[in-house]
C-alpha atoms as a PDB file:
ATOM      1  CA  MET A   1      -0.011   0.030  -0.035  1.00  0.00           C
ATOM      2  CA  ASN A   2       1.328   3.272  -0.830  1.00  0.00           C
ATOM      3  CA  ARG A   3       1.041   6.454   1.300  1.00  0.00           C
ATOM      4  CA  TYR A   4      -0.657   9.748  -0.041  1.00  0.00           C
ATOM      5  CA  GLU A   5      -1.740  12.819   1.201  1.00  0.00           C
ATOM      6  CA  LEU A   6      -5.223  14.581   0.038  1.00  0.00           C
ATOM      7  CA  THR A   7      -5.740  17.990   0.084  1.00  0.00           C
ATOM      8  CA  TYR A   8      -9.244  19.172  -0.869  1.00  0.00           C
ATOM      9  CA  ILE A   9     -11.144  23.295  -0.450  1.00  0.00           C
ATOM     10  CA  ILE A  10     -14.792  22.814   0.393  1.00  0.00           C
ATOM     11  CA  ASP A  11     -17.232  25.779  -0.308  1.00  0.00           C
ATOM     12  CA  THR A  12     -17.307  28.113   3.222  1.00  0.00           C
ATOM     13  CA  ALA A  13     -20.910  28.617   2.580  1.00  0.00           C
ATOM     14  CA  LEU A  14     -21.834  24.975   3.820  1.00  0.00           C
ATOM     15  CA  GLU A  15     -23.385  24.686   7.429  1.00  0.00           C
ATOM     16  CA  GLU A  16     -20.881  23.490   9.947  1.00  0.00           C
ATOM     17  CA  THR A  17     -23.171  19.919  10.027  1.00  0.00           C
ATOM     18  CA  ALA A  18     -22.924  19.650   6.435  1.00  0.00           C
ATOM     19  CA  ARG A  19     -19.292  20.148   6.405  1.00  0.00           C
ATOM     20  CA  LYS A  20     -18.890  17.581   8.915  1.00  0.00           C
ATOM     21  CA  GLU A  21     -20.921  14.987   7.063  1.00  0.00           C
ATOM     22  CA  LEU A  22     -18.911  16.254   3.754  1.00  0.00           C
ATOM     23  CA  ILE A  23     -15.675  15.311   5.595  1.00  0.00           C
ATOM     24  CA  GLU A  24     -17.010  12.088   7.068  1.00  0.00           C
ATOM     25  CA  LYS A  25     -18.299  11.061   3.663  1.00  0.00           C
ATOM     26  CA  PHE A  26     -14.943  10.951   1.797  1.00  0.00           C
ATOM     27  CA  SER A  27     -13.082   9.279   4.899  1.00  0.00           C
ATOM     28  CA  SER A  28     -15.939   6.447   4.788  1.00  0.00           C
ATOM     29  CA  LEU A  29     -15.392   6.060   0.903  1.00  0.00           C
ATOM     30  CA  ILE A  30     -11.528   5.774   1.621  1.00  0.00           C
ATOM     31  CA  ALA A  31     -12.352   3.153   4.193  1.00  0.00           C
ATOM     32  CA  ALA A  32     -14.870   1.103   2.142  1.00  0.00           C
ATOM     33  CA  ASN A  33     -12.330   1.059  -0.689  1.00  0.00           C
ATOM     34  CA  GLY A  34      -9.719  -0.508   1.369  1.00  0.00           C
ATOM     35  CA  GLY A  35      -7.603   2.613   2.148  1.00  0.00           C
ATOM     36  CA  GLU A  36      -6.508   3.097   5.623  1.00  0.00           C
ATOM     37  CA  ILE A  37      -7.118   7.043   7.254  1.00  0.00           C
ATOM     38  CA  GLU A  38      -4.004   7.876   9.476  1.00  0.00           C
ATOM     39  CA  LYS A  39      -4.723  11.452  10.235  1.00  0.00           C
ATOM     40  CA  VAL A  40      -7.961  14.066   9.094  1.00  0.00           C
ATOM     41  CA  ASP A  41      -6.753  17.551   9.770  1.00  0.00           C
ATOM     42  CA  GLU A  42      -9.255  19.952   9.459  1.00  0.00           C
ATOM     43  CA  THR A  43      -8.239  22.365  11.756  1.00  0.00           C
ATOM     44  CA  PHE A  44      -4.108  23.030  10.679  1.00  0.00           C
ATOM     45  CA  TRP A  45      -5.493  25.460   7.903  1.00  0.00           C
ATOM     46  CA  GLY A  46      -9.433  25.551   8.268  1.00  0.00           C
ATOM     47  CA  LYS A  47     -11.030  28.748   6.659  1.00  0.00           C
ATOM     48  CA  ARG A  48      -8.609  31.178   4.300  1.00  0.00           C
ATOM     49  CA  ARG A  49      -8.649  33.085   2.002  1.00  0.00           C
ATOM     50  CA  LEU A  50      -8.143  31.892  -1.298  1.00  0.00           C
ATOM     51  CA  ALA A  51      -5.334  33.182  -3.434  1.00  0.00           C
ATOM     52  CA  TYR A  52      -7.508  33.960  -6.213  1.00  0.00           C
ATOM     53  CA  PRO A  53     -11.659  33.372  -6.339  1.00  0.00           C
ATOM     54  CA  ILE A  54     -12.996  30.121  -7.454  1.00  0.00           C
ATOM     55  CA  ASN A  55     -16.634  30.197  -8.708  1.00  0.00           C
ATOM     56  CA  ASP A  56     -16.506  33.739  -7.710  1.00  0.00           C
ATOM     57  CA  LYS A  57     -16.165  32.500  -3.594  1.00  0.00           C
ATOM     58  CA  PRO A  58     -13.118  34.215  -2.196  1.00  0.00           C
ATOM     59  CA  GLU A  59     -12.670  31.577   1.068  1.00  0.00           C
ATOM     60  CA  GLY A  60     -12.466  28.422   0.983  1.00  0.00           C
ATOM     61  CA  TYR A  61     -12.131  25.771   4.134  1.00  0.00           C
ATOM     62  CA  TYR A  62      -9.041  23.415   3.636  1.00  0.00           C
ATOM     63  CA  VAL A  63      -8.995  19.588   4.956  1.00  0.00           C
ATOM     64  CA  LEU A  64      -5.915  17.532   5.060  1.00  0.00           C
ATOM     65  CA  VAL A  65      -6.054  13.845   5.091  1.00  0.00           C
ATOM     66  CA  THR A  66      -2.918  11.668   5.185  1.00  0.00           C
ATOM     67  CA  LEU A  67      -3.823   7.752   4.452  1.00  0.00           C
ATOM     68  CA  LYS A  68      -2.448   4.702   3.116  1.00  0.00           C
ATOM     69  CA  ALA A  69      -4.436   3.027   0.266  1.00  0.00           C
ATOM     70  CA  PRO A  70      -3.766   0.735  -2.731  1.00  0.00           C
ATOM     71  CA  ALA A  71      -2.903   2.274  -5.831  1.00  0.00           C
ATOM     72  CA  GLU A  72      -6.423   2.165  -7.680  1.00  0.00           C
ATOM     73  CA  LEU A  73      -8.262   4.606  -4.713  1.00  0.00           C
ATOM     74  CA  PRO A  74      -6.898   8.046  -5.746  1.00  0.00           C
ATOM     75  CA  ARG A  75      -8.641   7.556  -8.986  1.00  0.00           C
ATOM     76  CA  GLU A  76     -11.999   6.831  -7.280  1.00  0.00           C
ATOM     77  CA  ILE A  77     -11.902   9.439  -4.853  1.00  0.00           C
ATOM     78  CA  GLU A  78     -10.995  12.193  -7.166  1.00  0.00           C
ATOM     79  CA  ARG A  79     -13.734  10.652  -9.320  1.00  0.00           C
ATOM     80  CA  ASN A  80     -16.153  11.351  -6.287  1.00  0.00           C
ATOM     81  CA  LEU A  81     -14.548  14.741  -5.459  1.00  0.00           C
ATOM     82  CA  GLN A  82     -15.029  16.023  -8.997  1.00  0.00           C
ATOM     83  CA  ILE A  83     -19.098  15.312  -8.857  1.00  0.00           C
ATOM     84  CA  ASN A  84     -19.263  16.987  -5.551  1.00  0.00           C
ATOM     85  CA  GLU A  85     -20.298  20.711  -5.659  1.00  0.00           C
ATOM     86  CA  ASN A  86     -19.148  21.708  -2.422  1.00  0.00           C
ATOM     87  CA  VAL A  87     -15.540  20.872  -3.348  1.00  0.00           C
ATOM     88  CA  LEU A  88     -13.987  23.765  -4.742  1.00  0.00           C
ATOM     89  CA  ARG A  89     -10.436  21.878  -5.448  1.00  0.00           C
ATOM     90  CA  TYR A  90      -8.316  19.100  -4.727  1.00  0.00           C
ATOM     91  CA  LEU A  91      -4.818  17.824  -4.892  1.00  0.00           C
ATOM     92  CA  PHE A  92      -3.876  14.194  -4.335  1.00  0.00           C
ATOM     93  CA  ILE A  93      -0.108  13.628  -3.729  1.00  0.00           C
ATOM     94  CA  LYS A  94       1.435  10.332  -3.524  1.00  0.00           C
ATOM     95  CA  LEU A  95       4.316  10.629  -0.677  1.00  0.00           C
ATOM     96  CA  GLU A  96       8.091   9.184  -1.510  1.00  0.00           C
ATOM     97  CA  GLU A  97       9.504   6.695   1.503  1.00  0.00           C
ATOM     98  CA  LYS A  98      12.805   8.147   2.442  1.00  0.00           C
ATOM     99  CA  LYS A  99      15.359   5.638   1.912  1.00  0.00           C
ATOM    100  CA  HIS A 100      17.606   4.843   5.229  1.00  0.00           C
ATOM    101  CA  SER A 101      19.788   2.348   3.214  1.00  0.00           C
ATOM    102  CA  VAL A 102      21.735   5.234   1.386  1.00  0.00           C
ATOM    103  CA  LYS A 103      24.668   3.985   0.517  1.00  0.00           C
ATOM    104  CA  PRO A 104      27.763   5.812   1.827  1.00  0.00           C
ATOM    105  CA  ARG A 105      30.088   7.792  -0.471  1.00  0.00           C
ATOM    106  CA  PRO A 106      33.063   6.071  -1.221  1.00  0.00           C
ATOM    107  CA  VAL A 107      36.167   6.765   1.018  1.00  0.00           C
ATOM    108  CA  ARG A 108      38.761   8.281  -1.564  1.00  0.00           C
ATOM    109  CA  THR A 109      42.534   6.496  -0.859  1.00  0.00           C
ATOM    110  CA  PRO A 110      45.229   8.859  -2.267  1.00  0.00           C
ATOM    111  CA  ALA A 111      47.306   7.532  -5.128  1.00  0.00           C
ATOM    112  CA  PRO A 112      50.349   6.313  -3.753  1.00  0.00           C
ATOM    113  CA  VAL A 113      53.383   9.287  -4.306  1.00  0.00           C
ATOM    114  CA  ALA A 114      55.707   7.191  -6.594  1.00  0.00           C
ATOM    115  CA  ALA A 115      59.298   8.176  -5.089  1.00  0.00           C
ATOM    116  CA  PRO A 116      61.157  10.647  -7.053  1.00  0.00           C
ATOM    117  CA  VAL A 117      62.722   9.218 -10.531  1.00  0.00           C
ATOM    118  CA  GLU A 118      66.338  10.299  -9.958  1.00  0.00           C
ATOM    119  CA  GLU A 119      67.766  11.460 -13.392  1.00  0.00           C
ATOM    120  CA  ALA A 120      70.692   9.585 -14.736  1.00  0.00           C
ATOM    121  CA  PRO A 121      73.898  11.694 -14.638  1.00  0.00           C
ATOM    122  CA  ALA A 122      73.696  13.143 -17.994  1.00  0.00           C
ATOM    123  CA  ALA A 123      76.777  12.239 -20.210  1.00  0.00           C
ATOM    124  CA  VAL A 124      79.677  14.373 -20.173  1.00  0.00           C
ATOM    125  CA  GLU A 125      79.720  15.906 -23.503  1.00  0.00           C
ATOM    126  CA  ALA A 126      83.344  16.226 -25.200  1.00  0.00           C
ATOM    127  CA  PRO A 127      83.624  19.871 -26.312  1.00  0.00           C
ATOM    128  CA  VAL A 128      82.633  20.198 -29.728  1.00  0.00           C
ATOM    129  CA  GLU A 129      85.633  21.601 -31.805  1.00  0.00           C
ATOM    130  CA  GLU A 130      84.827  24.020 -34.668  1.00  0.00           C
ATOM    131  CA  PRO A 131      86.531  24.011 -38.129  1.00  0.00           C
ATOM    132  CA  VAL A 132      88.864  26.451 -38.773  1.00  0.00           C
ATOM    133  CA  GLU A 133      88.556  28.323 -41.828  1.00  0.00           C
ATOM    134  CA  THR A 134      91.486  28.430 -43.821  1.00  0.00           C
ATOM    135  CA  PRO A 135      91.834  31.806 -45.772  1.00  0.00           C
ATOM    136  CA  ALA A 136      91.758  30.855 -49.552  1.00  0.00           C
ATOM    137  CA  GLU A 137      94.396  31.606 -51.876  1.00  0.00           C
END
């Protein structure tokens, strides 16, 4: 089962009881389709002003749900969120698990430094004799 995070925005025109019923409806839909709800957080963001009006509504009520579910469940939940007129926007995200078995970087060992190569003594050069020019007669 994969871990997911679902965030959806509910219309603020709904009364509190209707809003609670809508949240419970989606929670029970998740449980009915084989998902496990880890946390439903409706007070973390709560009622907020939207960055831009959606359907001429300047405010929305944010709900954050963290869940574990099979891979087919997000499509079914998104279908139900699209149908519902009280849901302004939603976002379903798959959470990636951190890998704790990260391979450590290999330790670089410095290459052994070769002993300096001693130069062979240069051969002693004999002085080069220059040819002597003789005056031409």
